[in-house]
């Protein structure tokens, strides 16, 4: 995958190292603008990857640290042509397709059942080794109600994995 000049990247700095993701601003303009706004305001600083499901996703960006919080607003679902492949970055949401706010996930393997249902707005271009180290941490299982009669296994890391900051850069 080539990265065009003038592309926008997010550098997600964690306790385990930095994950560099290419933002798909043309395909998901509202989602990317929201993510950039949150990153530049410092919203993600000090939050955690609160959900780690081996072979599925790592998820972060919840101010409550349990998968139930957000920034105080939601954004509409943007369906992009990008698939849920390893390293794909998507917006987490509840049962309402238009309920994404600040939580995002990184796919650890292809997850085709999510295609067309969640917004893939970025792709890891460097730091997949960091993602894999996060995937390998010890977790405890906890079930959380996400609305609409749906429950999800949280798989919370036993030791918090902090997002130190998210920096936005143009290259």
Protein backbone atom coordinates (compact mmCIF):
# COMPACT_ATOMS: atom_id res chain seq x y z
CA UNK A 1 0.00 0.00 0.00
CA UNK A 2 1.55 3.29 -1.09
CA UNK A 3 1.05 6.44 0.91
CA UNK A 4 0.46 9.56 -1.16
CA UNK A 5 2.16 12.86 -0.41
CA UNK A 6 -0.04 15.16 1.58
CA UNK A 7 -1.59 12.29 3.52
CA UNK A 8 -2.72 12.68 7.12
CA UNK A 9 -1.53 10.26 9.77
CA UNK A 10 -2.29 9.70 13.43
CA UNK A 11 0.58 8.67 15.68
CA UNK A 12 -0.98 6.76 18.57
CA UNK A 13 1.64 6.77 21.31
CA UNK A 14 1.07 3.96 23.82
CA UNK A 15 2.88 2.38 26.76
CA UNK A 16 4.05 -0.27 24.26
CA UNK A 17 5.27 2.05 21.49
CA UNK A 18 3.82 4.09 18.62
CA UNK A 19 1.22 2.98 16.09
CA UNK A 20 1.14 5.03 12.88
CA UNK A 21 -2.16 5.03 10.99
CA UNK A 22 -3.07 6.54 7.63
CA UNK A 23 -6.39 8.40 7.84
CA UNK A 24 -8.85 7.92 4.95
CA UNK A 25 -10.04 11.53 4.91
CA UNK A 26 -11.58 11.33 1.42
CA UNK A 27 -13.61 8.20 2.19
CA UNK A 28 -14.61 9.04 5.78
CA UNK A 29 -14.45 12.85 6.08
CA UNK A 30 -16.74 13.25 9.10
CA UNK A 31 -15.19 10.36 11.00
CA UNK A 32 -11.64 11.55 10.32
CA UNK A 33 -12.52 15.16 11.23
CA UNK A 34 -14.01 13.92 14.51
CA UNK A 35 -10.95 11.76 15.30
CA UNK A 36 -8.58 14.64 14.46
CA UNK A 37 -10.61 17.07 16.61
CA UNK A 38 -10.48 14.67 19.57
CA UNK A 39 -6.76 13.99 19.11
CA UNK A 40 -5.81 17.66 18.77
CA UNK A 41 -7.87 18.60 21.84
CA UNK A 42 -5.98 16.03 23.95
CA UNK A 43 -9.12 13.94 24.49
CA UNK A 44 -7.27 10.63 24.04
CA UNK A 45 -4.32 11.58 26.28
CA UNK A 46 -4.14 9.15 29.19
CA UNK A 47 -7.07 6.98 28.10
CA UNK A 48 -6.56 3.23 27.70
CA UNK A 49 -7.04 0.30 25.39
CA UNK A 50 -9.84 -1.08 27.56
CA UNK A 51 -10.71 -4.06 25.35
CA UNK A 52 -8.29 -6.65 23.96
CA UNK A 53 -9.78 -9.67 22.19
CA UNK A 54 -7.06 -11.93 20.78
CA UNK A 55 -7.50 -12.60 17.08
CA UNK A 56 -10.23 -9.95 16.83
CA UNK A 57 -9.55 -6.34 17.95
CA UNK A 58 -7.93 -4.01 20.42
CA UNK A 59 -10.21 -1.11 21.37
CA UNK A 60 -9.60 2.23 23.07
CA UNK A 61 -10.81 5.78 23.38
CA UNK A 62 -13.42 5.41 26.14
CA UNK A 63 -13.14 8.14 28.80
CA UNK A 64 -14.83 5.83 31.35
CA UNK A 65 -12.40 3.01 30.55
CA UNK A 66 -15.16 0.41 30.29
CA UNK A 67 -16.54 0.77 26.76
CA UNK A 68 -19.60 2.82 27.75
CA UNK A 69 -18.28 6.39 27.40
CA UNK A 70 -17.77 8.92 24.66
CA UNK A 71 -17.10 12.59 23.99
CA UNK A 72 -20.66 13.79 24.58
CA UNK A 73 -21.74 13.63 20.94
CA UNK A 74 -22.08 11.05 18.18
CA UNK A 75 -21.35 11.04 14.47
CA UNK A 76 -23.17 9.43 11.55
CA UNK A 77 -21.98 6.09 10.20
CA UNK A 78 -19.84 6.46 7.08
CA UNK A 79 -19.50 3.26 5.07
CA UNK A 80 -16.20 3.20 3.18
CA UNK A 81 -14.83 0.82 0.54
CA UNK A 82 -12.11 -0.26 2.98
CA UNK A 83 -12.33 -3.74 4.45
CA UNK A 84 -11.77 -4.98 7.98
CA UNK A 85 -8.33 -6.48 7.36
CA UNK A 86 -5.51 -6.81 9.88
CA UNK A 87 -4.52 -3.29 10.88
CA UNK A 88 -7.80 -1.69 9.79
CA UNK A 89 -8.92 1.05 12.19
CA UNK A 90 -12.66 1.44 12.73
CA UNK A 91 -15.06 3.40 14.89
CA UNK A 92 -16.72 1.43 17.67
CA UNK A 93 -20.40 2.07 18.32
CA UNK A 94 -23.46 0.73 20.11
CA UNK A 95 -26.55 -0.84 18.56
CA UNK A 96 -27.45 2.44 16.81
CA UNK A 97 -25.34 2.69 13.62
CA UNK A 98 -25.01 6.44 14.23
CA UNK A 99 -23.72 6.15 17.81
CA UNK A 100 -19.93 6.30 17.29
CA UNK A 101 -18.14 9.02 19.24
CA UNK A 102 -14.56 8.51 20.37
CA UNK A 103 -13.94 4.78 20.69
CA UNK A 104 -11.93 3.11 17.96
CA UNK A 105 -10.61 -0.37 17.33
CA UNK A 106 -7.74 -1.93 15.40
CA UNK A 107 -8.39 -5.27 13.71
CA UNK A 108 -5.98 -8.09 14.51
CA UNK A 109 -7.15 -10.28 11.62
CA UNK A 110 -9.66 -10.01 8.76
CA UNK A 111 -13.15 -9.43 10.20
CA UNK A 112 -15.39 -9.49 7.08
CA UNK A 113 -18.59 -9.76 9.15
CA UNK A 114 -17.97 -6.11 10.19
CA UNK A 115 -17.69 -4.80 6.61
CA UNK A 116 -20.49 -2.42 5.72
CA UNK A 117 -21.59 -2.17 9.36
CA UNK A 118 -18.78 -0.16 10.94
CA UNK A 119 -16.68 2.69 9.55
CA UNK A 120 -13.11 1.77 8.57
CA UNK A 121 -11.47 5.20 8.62
CA UNK A 122 -7.76 4.38 8.80
CA UNK A 123 -5.11 1.68 8.37
CA UNK A 124 -2.01 0.86 10.41
CA UNK A 125 1.03 1.57 8.23
CA UNK A 126 3.70 1.18 10.94
CA UNK A 127 3.65 -0.27 14.43
CA UNK A 128 1.68 -3.47 13.87
CA UNK A 129 4.30 -5.05 16.15
CA UNK A 130 3.05 -2.70 18.89
CA UNK A 131 -0.54 -3.79 18.18
CA UNK A 132 0.56 -7.45 18.48
CA UNK A 133 2.26 -6.78 21.83
CA UNK A 134 -0.96 -5.21 23.11
CA UNK A 135 -2.91 -8.23 21.79
CA UNK A 136 -0.70 -10.54 23.88
CA UNK A 137 -1.41 -8.98 27.30
CA UNK A 138 -3.29 -10.86 30.02
CA UNK A 139 -6.99 -9.99 30.18
CA UNK A 140 -9.99 -10.57 32.42
CA UNK A 141 -13.37 -11.17 30.86
CA UNK A 142 -16.23 -8.83 31.77
CA UNK A 143 -19.59 -8.58 30.00
CA UNK A 144 -21.01 -5.11 29.24
CA UNK A 145 -24.48 -4.12 28.00
CA UNK A 146 -24.06 -1.99 24.85
CA UNK A 147 -27.76 -1.29 24.34
CA UNK A 148 -30.39 -2.80 22.13
CA UNK A 149 -30.32 -6.00 24.18
CA UNK A 150 -26.71 -6.62 23.06
CA UNK A 151 -23.87 -7.57 25.37
CA UNK A 152 -20.20 -7.70 24.51
CA UNK A 153 -17.25 -9.33 26.26
CA UNK A 154 -14.92 -6.55 27.32
CA UNK A 155 -11.73 -8.59 27.79
CA UNK A 156 -10.14 -5.84 29.90
CA UNK A 157 -6.34 -5.94 30.23
CA UNK A 158 -5.30 -6.87 33.78
CA UNK A 159 -2.77 -4.03 33.67
CA UNK A 160 -3.94 -0.77 31.99
CA UNK A 161 -2.46 -0.01 28.56
CA UNK A 162 -2.35 3.77 28.26
CA UNK A 163 -2.71 5.87 25.16
CA UNK A 164 -0.17 8.54 26.07
CA UNK A 165 -1.26 10.85 23.26
CA UNK A 166 -2.46 10.88 19.66
CA UNK A 167 -0.61 13.28 17.37
CA UNK A 168 -1.84 14.24 13.90
CA UNK A 169 0.81 14.77 11.22
CA UNK A 170 0.81 15.54 7.49
CA UNK A 171 3.45 13.94 5.28
